[in-house]
Amino acid sequence: MSIQGMFKVYAIISFAVPFLILGLPIFDTAFAFTRR
């Protein structure tokens, strides 16, 4: 759904929108992998 909508907003820094919306799971996963 984020690809269908968020990544198609061709405005300034639109790529940051889905990263913010899904920020908690992305942050937790990134640090889980880094920690391991």
PDB file of all heavy atoms in Angstrom:
ATOM      1  N   MET A   1       0.824  -1.212   0.000  1.00  0.00           N
ATOM      2  CA  MET A   1       0.000   0.000   0.000  1.00  0.00           C
ATOM      3  C   MET A   1       0.859   1.264   0.000  1.00  0.00           C
ATOM      4  O   MET A   1       0.509   2.264  -0.618  1.00  0.00           O
ATOM      5  CB  MET A   1      -0.930   0.012   1.222  1.00  0.00           C
ATOM      6  CG  MET A   1      -2.024  -1.020   1.222  1.00  0.00           C
ATOM      7  SD  MET A   1      -3.326  -0.720  -0.011  1.00  0.00           S
ATOM      8  CE  MET A   1      -2.838  -1.908  -1.272  1.00  0.00           C
ATOM      9  N   SER A   2       1.983   1.203   0.692  1.00  0.00           N
ATOM     10  CA  SER A   2       2.869   2.374   0.725  1.00  0.00           C
ATOM     11  C   SER A   2       3.434   2.658  -0.668  1.00  0.00           C
ATOM     12  O   SER A   2       3.620   3.816  -1.041  1.00  0.00           O
ATOM     13  CB  SER A   2       4.012   2.155   1.719  1.00  0.00           C
ATOM     14  OG  SER A   2       4.901   1.155   1.268  1.00  0.00           O
ATOM     15  N   ILE A   3       3.688   1.606  -1.436  1.00  0.00           N
ATOM     16  CA  ILE A   3       4.208   1.808  -2.799  1.00  0.00           C
ATOM     17  C   ILE A   3       3.124   2.372  -3.689  1.00  0.00           C
ATOM     18  O   ILE A   3       3.368   3.261  -4.518  1.00  0.00           O
ATOM     19  CB  ILE A   3       4.727   0.470  -3.374  1.00  0.00           C
ATOM     20  CG1 ILE A   3       5.878  -0.055  -2.524  1.00  0.00           C
ATOM     21  CG2 ILE A   3       5.182   0.638  -4.822  1.00  0.00           C
ATOM     22  CD1 ILE A   3       6.274  -1.467  -2.832  1.00  0.00           C
ATOM     23  N   GLN A   4       1.903   1.875  -3.538  1.00  0.00           N
ATOM     24  CA  GLN A   4       0.802   2.360  -4.359  1.00  0.00           C
ATOM     25  C   GLN A   4       0.516   3.836  -4.128  1.00  0.00           C
ATOM     26  O   GLN A   4       0.176   4.568  -5.052  1.00  0.00           O
ATOM     27  CB  GLN A   4      -0.473   1.561  -4.065  1.00  0.00           C
ATOM     28  CG  GLN A   4      -0.571   0.260  -4.843  1.00  0.00           C
ATOM     29  CD  GLN A   4      -1.981  -0.293  -4.806  1.00  0.00           C
ATOM     30  OE1 GLN A   4      -2.596  -0.395  -3.746  1.00  0.00           O
ATOM     31  NE2 GLN A   4      -2.501  -0.659  -5.957  1.00  0.00           N
ATOM     32  N   GLY A   5       0.668   4.273  -2.884  1.00  0.00           N
ATOM     33  CA  GLY A   5       0.320   5.656  -2.574  1.00  0.00           C
ATOM     34  C   GLY A   5       1.492   6.551  -2.274  1.00  0.00           C
ATOM     35  O   GLY A   5       1.802   7.487  -2.997  1.00  0.00           O
ATOM     36  N   MET A   6       2.241   6.213  -1.192  1.00  0.00           N
ATOM     37  CA  MET A   6       3.242   7.141  -0.668  1.00  0.00           C
ATOM     38  C   MET A   6       4.393   7.404  -1.638  1.00  0.00           C
ATOM     39  O   MET A   6       4.841   8.529  -1.800  1.00  0.00           O
ATOM     40  CB  MET A   6       3.827   6.614   0.650  1.00  0.00           C
ATOM     41  CG  MET A   6       2.818   6.164   1.686  1.00  0.00           C
ATOM     42  SD  MET A   6       1.590   7.402   2.101  1.00  0.00           S
ATOM     43  CE  MET A   6       0.143   6.662   1.334  1.00  0.00           C
ATOM     44  N   PHE A   7       4.897   6.349  -2.284  1.00  0.00           N
ATOM     45  CA  PHE A   7       6.047   6.529  -3.154  1.00  0.00           C
ATOM     46  C   PHE A   7       5.672   7.210  -4.475  1.00  0.00           C
ATOM     47  O   PHE A   7       6.520   7.487  -5.293  1.00  0.00           O
ATOM     48  CB  PHE A   7       6.714   5.182  -3.449  1.00  0.00           C
ATOM     49  CG  PHE A   7       7.674   4.742  -2.385  1.00  0.00           C
ATOM     50  CD1 PHE A   7       7.387   3.650  -1.578  1.00  0.00           C
ATOM     51  CD2 PHE A   7       8.859   5.426  -2.170  1.00  0.00           C
ATOM     52  CE1 PHE A   7       8.262   3.239  -0.593  1.00  0.00           C
ATOM     53  CE2 PHE A   7       9.743   5.019  -1.183  1.00  0.00           C
ATOM     54  CZ  PHE A   7       9.443   3.932  -0.399  1.00  0.00           C
ATOM     55  N   LYS A   8       4.372   7.420  -4.682  1.00  0.00           N
ATOM     56  CA  LYS A   8       3.954   8.068  -5.918  1.00  0.00           C
ATOM     57  C   LYS A   8       3.667   9.557  -5.724  1.00  0.00           C
ATOM     58  O   LYS A   8       3.202  10.231  -6.625  1.00  0.00           O
ATOM     59  CB  LYS A   8       2.702   7.368  -6.475  1.00  0.00           C
ATOM     60  CG  LYS A   8       3.015   5.968  -7.018  1.00  0.00           C
ATOM     61  CD  LYS A   8       1.803   5.357  -7.675  1.00  0.00           C
ATOM     62  CE  LYS A   8       2.150   4.003  -8.282  1.00  0.00           C
ATOM     63  NZ  LYS A   8       0.991   3.370  -8.940  1.00  0.00           N
ATOM     64  N   VAL A   9       3.939  10.044  -4.518  1.00  0.00           N
ATOM     65  CA  VAL A   9       3.780  11.473  -4.263  1.00  0.00           C
ATOM     66  C   VAL A   9       5.065  12.161  -4.701  1.00  0.00           C
ATOM     67  O   VAL A   9       6.031  12.224  -3.952  1.00  0.00           O
ATOM     68  CB  VAL A   9       3.516  11.755  -2.757  1.00  0.00           C
ATOM     69  CG1 VAL A   9       3.194  13.224  -2.553  1.00  0.00           C
ATOM     70  CG2 VAL A   9       2.388  10.885  -2.252  1.00  0.00           C
ATOM     71  N   TYR A  10       5.098  12.673  -5.893  1.00  0.00           N
ATOM     72  CA  TYR A  10       6.335  13.223  -6.428  1.00  0.00           C
ATOM     73  C   TYR A  10       6.532  14.657  -5.949  1.00  0.00           C
ATOM     74  O   TYR A  10       6.571  15.601  -6.714  1.00  0.00           O
ATOM     75  CB  TYR A  10       6.334  13.160  -7.944  1.00  0.00           C
ATOM     76  CG  TYR A  10       6.214  11.763  -8.470  1.00  0.00           C
ATOM     77  CD1 TYR A  10       5.431  11.495  -9.587  1.00  0.00           C
ATOM     78  CD2 TYR A  10       6.860  10.712  -7.848  1.00  0.00           C
ATOM     79  CE1 TYR A  10       5.311  10.204 -10.080  1.00  0.00           C
ATOM     80  CE2 TYR A  10       6.745   9.419  -8.317  1.00  0.00           C
ATOM     81  CZ  TYR A  10       5.968   9.174  -9.441  1.00  0.00           C
ATOM     82  OH  TYR A  10       5.855   7.894  -9.918  1.00  0.00           O
ATOM     83  N   ALA A  11       6.597  14.796  -4.645  1.00  0.00           N
ATOM     84  CA  ALA A  11       6.865  16.092  -4.043  1.00  0.00           C
ATOM     85  C   ALA A  11       8.167  15.972  -3.263  1.00  0.00           C
ATOM     86  O   ALA A  11       8.735  14.908  -3.131  1.00  0.00           O
ATOM     87  CB  ALA A  11       5.717  16.494  -3.116  1.00  0.00           C
ATOM     88  N   ILE A  12       8.608  17.091  -2.711  1.00  0.00           N
ATOM     89  CA  ILE A  12       9.889  17.103  -2.015  1.00  0.00           C
ATOM     90  C   ILE A  12       9.895  16.092  -0.864  1.00  0.00           C
ATOM     91  O   ILE A  12       8.918  15.941  -0.151  1.00  0.00           O
ATOM     92  CB  ILE A  12      10.203  18.534  -1.489  1.00  0.00           C
ATOM     93  CG1 ILE A  12      11.625  18.600  -0.957  1.00  0.00           C
ATOM     94  CG2 ILE A  12       9.205  18.969  -0.457  1.00  0.00           C
ATOM     95  CD1 ILE A  12      12.668  18.514  -2.006  1.00  0.00           C
ATOM     96  N   ILE A  13      10.994  15.372  -0.719  1.00  0.00           N
ATOM     97  CA  ILE A  13      11.270  14.319   0.258  1.00  0.00           C
ATOM     98  C   ILE A  13      10.098  13.330   0.436  1.00  0.00           C
ATOM     99  O   ILE A  13       9.824  12.860   1.528  1.00  0.00           O
ATOM    100  CB  ILE A  13      11.727  14.891   1.625  1.00  0.00           C
ATOM    101  CG1 ILE A  13      10.841  16.007   2.152  1.00  0.00           C
ATOM    102  CG2 ILE A  13      13.126  15.401   1.549  1.00  0.00           C
ATOM    103  CD1 ILE A  13       9.580  15.601   2.791  1.00  0.00           C
ATOM    104  N   SER A  14       9.369  13.015  -0.630  1.00  0.00           N
ATOM    105  CA  SER A  14       8.253  12.083  -0.510  1.00  0.00           C
ATOM    106  C   SER A  14       8.706  10.709  -0.056  1.00  0.00           C
ATOM    107  O   SER A  14       7.935   9.957   0.533  1.00  0.00           O
ATOM    108  CB  SER A  14       7.518  11.962  -1.847  1.00  0.00           C
ATOM    109  OG  SER A  14       8.398  11.498  -2.854  1.00  0.00           O
ATOM    110  N   PHE A  15       9.974  10.361  -0.321  1.00  0.00           N
ATOM    111  CA  PHE A  15      10.478   9.052   0.096  1.00  0.00           C
ATOM    112  C   PHE A  15      10.471   8.906   1.608  1.00  0.00           C
ATOM    113  O   PHE A  15      10.461   7.787   2.138  1.00  0.00           O
ATOM    114  CB  PHE A  15      11.898   8.839  -0.445  1.00  0.00           C
ATOM    115  CG  PHE A  15      12.950   9.650   0.249  1.00  0.00           C
ATOM    116  CD1 PHE A  15      13.653   9.142   1.329  1.00  0.00           C
ATOM    117  CD2 PHE A  15      13.218  10.953  -0.166  1.00  0.00           C
ATOM    118  CE1 PHE A  15      14.613   9.901   1.973  1.00  0.00           C
ATOM    119  CE2 PHE A  15      14.182  11.710   0.475  1.00  0.00           C
ATOM    120  CZ  PHE A  15      14.882  11.191   1.545  1.00  0.00           C
ATOM    121  N   ALA A  16      10.484  10.009   2.357  1.00  0.00           N
ATOM    122  CA  ALA A  16      10.544   9.949   3.818  1.00  0.00           C
ATOM    123  C   ALA A  16       9.196   9.589   4.431  1.00  0.00           C
ATOM    124  O   ALA A  16       9.141   9.115   5.562  1.00  0.00           O
ATOM    125  CB  ALA A  16      11.018  11.286   4.381  1.00  0.00           C
ATOM    126  N   VAL A  17       8.099   9.805   3.698  1.00  0.00           N
ATOM    127  CA  VAL A  17       6.762   9.578   4.248  1.00  0.00           C
ATOM    128  C   VAL A  17       6.550   8.123   4.665  1.00  0.00           C
ATOM    129  O   VAL A  17       6.192   7.853   5.812  1.00  0.00           O
ATOM    130  CB  VAL A  17       5.674  10.053   3.262  1.00  0.00           C
ATOM    131  CG1 VAL A  17       4.284   9.663   3.766  1.00  0.00           C
ATOM    132  CG2 VAL A  17       5.767  11.559   3.060  1.00  0.00           C
ATOM    133  N   PRO A  18       6.755   7.139   3.778  1.00  0.00           N
ATOM    134  CA  PRO A  18       6.563   5.753   4.227  1.00  0.00           C
ATOM    135  C   PRO A  18       7.551   5.321   5.293  1.00  0.00           C
ATOM    136  O   PRO A  18       7.216   4.495   6.154  1.00  0.00           O
ATOM    137  CB  PRO A  18       6.749   4.935   2.933  1.00  0.00           C
ATOM    138  CG  PRO A  18       7.523   5.815   2.019  1.00  0.00           C
ATOM    139  CD  PRO A  18       7.084   7.202   2.346  1.00  0.00           C
ATOM    140  N   PHE A  19       8.763   5.869   5.281  1.00  0.00           N
ATOM    141  CA  PHE A  19       9.743   5.527   6.305  1.00  0.00           C
ATOM    142  C   PHE A  19       9.306   6.031   7.676  1.00  0.00           C
ATOM    143  O   PHE A  19       9.548   5.373   8.696  1.00  0.00           O
ATOM    144  CB  PHE A  19      11.118   6.098   5.945  1.00  0.00           C
ATOM    145  CG  PHE A  19      11.854   5.284   4.926  1.00  0.00           C
ATOM    146  CD1 PHE A  19      11.771   5.593   3.583  1.00  0.00           C
ATOM    147  CD2 PHE A  19      12.622   4.203   5.298  1.00  0.00           C
ATOM    148  CE1 PHE A  19      12.433   4.842   2.633  1.00  0.00           C
ATOM    149  CE2 PHE A  19      13.298   3.443   4.366  1.00  0.00           C
ATOM    150  CZ  PHE A  19      13.201   3.757   3.020  1.00  0.00           C
ATOM    151  N   LEU A  20       8.668   7.185   7.717  1.00  0.00           N
ATOM    152  CA  LEU A  20       8.167   7.702   8.988  1.00  0.00           C
ATOM    153  C   LEU A  20       6.966   6.899   9.468  1.00  0.00           C
ATOM    154  O   LEU A  20       6.870   6.546  10.646  1.00  0.00           O
ATOM    155  CB  LEU A  20       7.780   9.178   8.838  1.00  0.00           C
ATOM    156  CG  LEU A  20       8.933  10.186   8.834  1.00  0.00           C
ATOM    157  CD1 LEU A  20       8.411  11.583   8.508  1.00  0.00           C
ATOM    158  CD2 LEU A  20       9.639  10.204  10.192  1.00  0.00           C
ATOM    159  N   ILE A  21       6.046   6.599   8.556  1.00  0.00           N
ATOM    160  CA  ILE A  21       4.845   5.855   8.924  1.00  0.00           C
ATOM    161  C   ILE A  21       5.201   4.491   9.496  1.00  0.00           C
ATOM    162  O   ILE A  21       4.608   4.030  10.471  1.00  0.00           O
ATOM    163  CB  ILE A  21       3.911   5.709   7.700  1.00  0.00           C
ATOM    164  CG1 ILE A  21       3.380   7.094   7.274  1.00  0.00           C
ATOM    165  CG2 ILE A  21       2.740   4.787   8.027  1.00  0.00           C
ATOM    166  CD1 ILE A  21       2.583   7.063   5.990  1.00  0.00           C
ATOM    167  N   LEU A  22       6.173   3.846   8.888  1.00  0.00           N
ATOM    168  CA  LEU A  22       6.607   2.512   9.321  1.00  0.00           C
ATOM    169  C   LEU A  22       7.889   2.590  10.137  1.00  0.00           C
ATOM    170  O   LEU A  22       8.647   1.618  10.221  1.00  0.00           O
ATOM    171  CB  LEU A  22       6.809   1.617   8.096  1.00  0.00           C
ATOM    172  CG  LEU A  22       5.569   1.452   7.208  1.00  0.00           C
ATOM    173  CD1 LEU A  22       5.933   0.803   5.888  1.00  0.00           C
ATOM    174  CD2 LEU A  22       4.491   0.646   7.921  1.00  0.00           C
ATOM    175  N   GLY A  23       8.119   3.750  10.742  1.00  0.00           N
ATOM    176  CA  GLY A  23       9.383   4.009  11.427  1.00  0.00           C
ATOM    177  C   GLY A  23       9.689   3.052  12.555  1.00  0.00           C
ATOM    178  O   GLY A  23      10.825   2.587  12.690  1.00  0.00           O
ATOM    179  N   LEU A  24       8.704   2.714  13.397  1.00  0.00           N
ATOM    180  CA  LEU A  24       8.965   1.852  14.556  1.00  0.00           C
ATOM    181  C   LEU A  24       9.418   0.452  14.148  1.00  0.00           C
ATOM    182  O   LEU A  24      10.465  -0.009  14.615  1.00  0.00           O
ATOM    183  CB  LEU A  24       7.725   1.791  15.454  1.00  0.00           C
ATOM    184  CG  LEU A  24       7.875   0.933  16.715  1.00  0.00           C
ATOM    185  CD1 LEU A  24       9.001   1.448  17.598  1.00  0.00           C
ATOM    186  CD2 LEU A  24       6.569   0.883  17.490  1.00  0.00           C
ATOM    187  N   PRO A  25       8.669  -0.257  13.291  1.00  0.00           N
ATOM    188  CA  PRO A  25       9.161  -1.591  12.892  1.00  0.00           C
ATOM    189  C   PRO A  25      10.468  -1.543  12.124  1.00  0.00           C
ATOM    190  O   PRO A  25      11.313  -2.427  12.283  1.00  0.00           O
ATOM    191  CB  PRO A  25       8.019  -2.153  12.020  1.00  0.00           C
ATOM    192  CG  PRO A  25       7.172  -0.997  11.665  1.00  0.00           C
ATOM    193  CD  PRO A  25       7.320  -0.008  12.759  1.00  0.00           C
ATOM    194  N   ILE A  26      10.682  -0.499  11.295  1.00  0.00           N
ATOM    195  CA  ILE A  26      11.944  -0.382  10.555  1.00  0.00           C
ATOM    196  C   ILE A  26      13.106  -0.173  11.520  1.00  0.00           C
ATOM    197  O   ILE A  26      14.152  -0.822  11.420  1.00  0.00           O
ATOM    198  CB  ILE A  26      11.876   0.792   9.543  1.00  0.00           C
ATOM    199  CG1 ILE A  26      10.908   0.450   8.406  1.00  0.00           C
ATOM    200  CG2 ILE A  26      13.257   1.096   8.976  1.00  0.00           C
ATOM    201  CD1 ILE A  26      10.670   1.599   7.444  1.00  0.00           C
ATOM    202  N   PHE A  27      12.935   0.730  12.486  1.00  0.00           N
ATOM    203  CA  PHE A  27      13.979   1.024  13.472  1.00  0.00           C
ATOM    204  C   PHE A  27      14.308  -0.220  14.292  1.00  0.00           C
ATOM    205  O   PHE A  27      15.480  -0.565  14.489  1.00  0.00           O
ATOM    206  CB  PHE A  27      13.511   2.163  14.375  1.00  0.00           C
ATOM    207  CG  PHE A  27      14.486   2.532  15.450  1.00  0.00           C
ATOM    208  CD1 PHE A  27      15.504   3.433  15.197  1.00  0.00           C
ATOM    209  CD2 PHE A  27      14.377   1.990  16.720  1.00  0.00           C
ATOM    210  CE1 PHE A  27      16.408   3.786  16.196  1.00  0.00           C
ATOM    211  CE2 PHE A  27      15.277   2.323  17.723  1.00  0.00           C
ATOM    212  CZ  PHE A  27      16.291   3.222  17.453  1.00  0.00           C
ATOM    213  N   ASP A  28      13.272  -0.899  14.773  1.00  0.00           N
ATOM    214  CA  ASP A  28      13.481  -2.071  15.620  1.00  0.00           C
ATOM    215  C   ASP A  28      14.195  -3.181  14.857  1.00  0.00           C
ATOM    216  O   ASP A  28      15.118  -3.822  15.373  1.00  0.00           O
ATOM    217  CB  ASP A  28      12.136  -2.573  16.143  1.00  0.00           C
ATOM    218  CG  ASP A  28      12.290  -3.710  17.135  1.00  0.00           C
ATOM    219  OD1 ASP A  28      13.129  -3.575  18.050  1.00  0.00           O
ATOM    220  OD2 ASP A  28      11.599  -4.721  17.003  1.00  0.00           O
ATOM    221  N   THR A  29      13.800  -3.403  13.604  1.00  0.00           N
ATOM    222  CA  THR A  29      14.423  -4.453  12.795  1.00  0.00           C
ATOM    223  C   THR A  29      15.873  -4.119  12.475  1.00  0.00           C
ATOM    224  O   THR A  29      16.759  -4.986  12.554  1.00  0.00           O
ATOM    225  CB  THR A  29      13.638  -4.659  11.488  1.00  0.00           C
ATOM    226  OG1 THR A  29      12.279  -4.990  11.803  1.00  0.00           O
ATOM    227  CG2 THR A  29      14.243  -5.765  10.651  1.00  0.00           C
ATOM    228  N   ALA A  30      16.131  -2.859  12.114  1.00  0.00           N
ATOM    229  CA  ALA A  30      17.496  -2.448  11.772  1.00  0.00           C
ATOM    230  C   ALA A  30      18.438  -2.665  12.945  1.00  0.00           C
ATOM    231  O   ALA A  30      19.550  -3.186  12.785  1.00  0.00           O
ATOM    232  CB  ALA A  30      17.504  -0.983  11.345  1.00  0.00           C
ATOM    233  N   PHE A  31      17.998  -2.302  14.146  1.00  0.00           N
ATOM    234  CA  PHE A  31      18.869  -2.447  15.303  1.00  0.00           C
ATOM    235  C   PHE A  31      18.944  -3.891  15.790  1.00  0.00           C
ATOM    236  O   PHE A  31      19.955  -4.286  16.382  1.00  0.00           O
ATOM    237  CB  PHE A  31      18.426  -1.510  16.416  1.00  0.00           C
ATOM    238  CG  PHE A  31      18.963  -0.128  16.232  1.00  0.00           C
ATOM    239  CD1 PHE A  31      18.203   0.851  15.627  1.00  0.00           C
ATOM    240  CD2 PHE A  31      20.248   0.181  16.622  1.00  0.00           C
ATOM    241  CE1 PHE A  31      18.709   2.121  15.429  1.00  0.00           C
ATOM    242  CE2 PHE A  31      20.759   1.449  16.431  1.00  0.00           C
ATOM    243  CZ  PHE A  31      19.993   2.423  15.827  1.00  0.00           C
ATOM    244  N   ALA A  32      17.901  -4.662  15.539  1.00  0.00           N
ATOM    245  CA  ALA A  32      17.969  -6.086  15.871  1.00  0.00           C
ATOM    246  C   ALA A  32      19.039  -6.764  15.023  1.00  0.00           C
ATOM    247  O   ALA A  32      19.868  -7.532  15.536  1.00  0.00           O
ATOM    248  CB  ALA A  32      16.608  -6.747  15.645  1.00  0.00           C
ATOM    249  N   PHE A  33      19.045  -6.462  13.731  1.00  0.00           N
ATOM    250  CA  PHE A  33      20.047  -7.040  12.841  1.00  0.00           C
ATOM    251  C   PHE A  33      21.448  -6.552  13.205  1.00  0.00           C
ATOM    252  O   PHE A  33      22.397  -7.331  13.239  1.00  0.00           O
ATOM    253  CB  PHE A  33      19.726  -6.684  11.383  1.00  0.00           C
ATOM    254  CG  PHE A  33      18.705  -7.589  10.760  1.00  0.00           C
ATOM    255  CD1 PHE A  33      17.676  -8.123  11.510  1.00  0.00           C
ATOM    256  CD2 PHE A  33      18.764  -7.918   9.423  1.00  0.00           C
ATOM    257  CE1 PHE A  33      16.729  -8.962  10.945  1.00  0.00           C
ATOM    258  CE2 PHE A  33      17.835  -8.763   8.842  1.00  0.00           C
ATOM    259  CZ  PHE A  33      16.804  -9.284   9.607  1.00  0.00           C
ATOM    260  N   THR A  34      21.577  -5.246  13.489  1.00  0.00           N
ATOM    261  CA  THR A  34      22.882  -4.684  13.857  1.00  0.00           C
ATOM    262  C   THR A  34      23.404  -5.309  15.144  1.00  0.00           C
ATOM    263  O   THR A  34      24.580  -5.687  15.240  1.00  0.00           O
ATOM    264  CB  THR A  34      22.775  -3.157  14.044  1.00  0.00           C
ATOM    265  OG1 THR A  34      22.259  -2.572  12.850  1.00  0.00           O
ATOM    266  CG2 THR A  34      24.130  -2.552  14.355  1.00  0.00           C
ATOM    267  N   ARG A  35      22.535  -5.451  16.129  1.00  0.00           N
ATOM    268  CA  ARG A  35      22.915  -6.025  17.417  1.00  0.00           C
ATOM    269  C   ARG A  35      23.390  -7.464  17.254  1.00  0.00           C
ATOM    270  O   ARG A  35      24.411  -7.862  17.839  1.00  0.00           O
ATOM    271  CB  ARG A  35      21.708  -5.977  18.355  1.00  0.00           C
ATOM    272  CG  ARG A  35      21.959  -6.552  19.739  1.00  0.00           C
ATOM    273  CD  ARG A  35      20.714  -6.455  20.593  1.00  0.00           C
ATOM    274  NE  ARG A  35      19.612  -7.259  20.093  1.00  0.00           N
ATOM    275  CZ  ARG A  35      18.512  -6.756  19.547  1.00  0.00           C
ATOM    276  NH1 ARG A  35      18.357  -5.461  19.416  1.00  0.00           N
ATOM    277  NH2 ARG A  35      17.539  -7.550  19.125  1.00  0.00           N
ATOM    278  N   ARG A  36      22.677  -8.237  16.470  1.00  0.00           N
ATOM    279  CA  ARG A  36      23.033  -9.645  16.300  1.00  0.00           C
ATOM    280  C   ARG A  36      24.336  -9.807  15.525  1.00  0.00           C
ATOM    281  O   ARG A  36      25.156 -10.665  15.854  1.00  0.00           O
ATOM    282  CB  ARG A  36      21.891 -10.375  15.586  1.00  0.00           C
ATOM    283  CG  ARG A  36      20.627 -10.459  16.423  1.00  0.00           C
ATOM    284  CD  ARG A  36      19.415 -10.815  15.609  1.00  0.00           C
ATOM    285  NE  ARG A  36      18.183 -10.743  16.399  1.00  0.00           N
ATOM    286  CZ  ARG A  36      16.963 -10.849  15.885  1.00  0.00           C
ATOM    287  NH1 ARG A  36      16.817 -11.019  14.581  1.00  0.00           N
ATOM    288  NH2 ARG A  36      15.905 -10.769  16.661  1.00  0.00           N
TER     289      ARG A  36
END
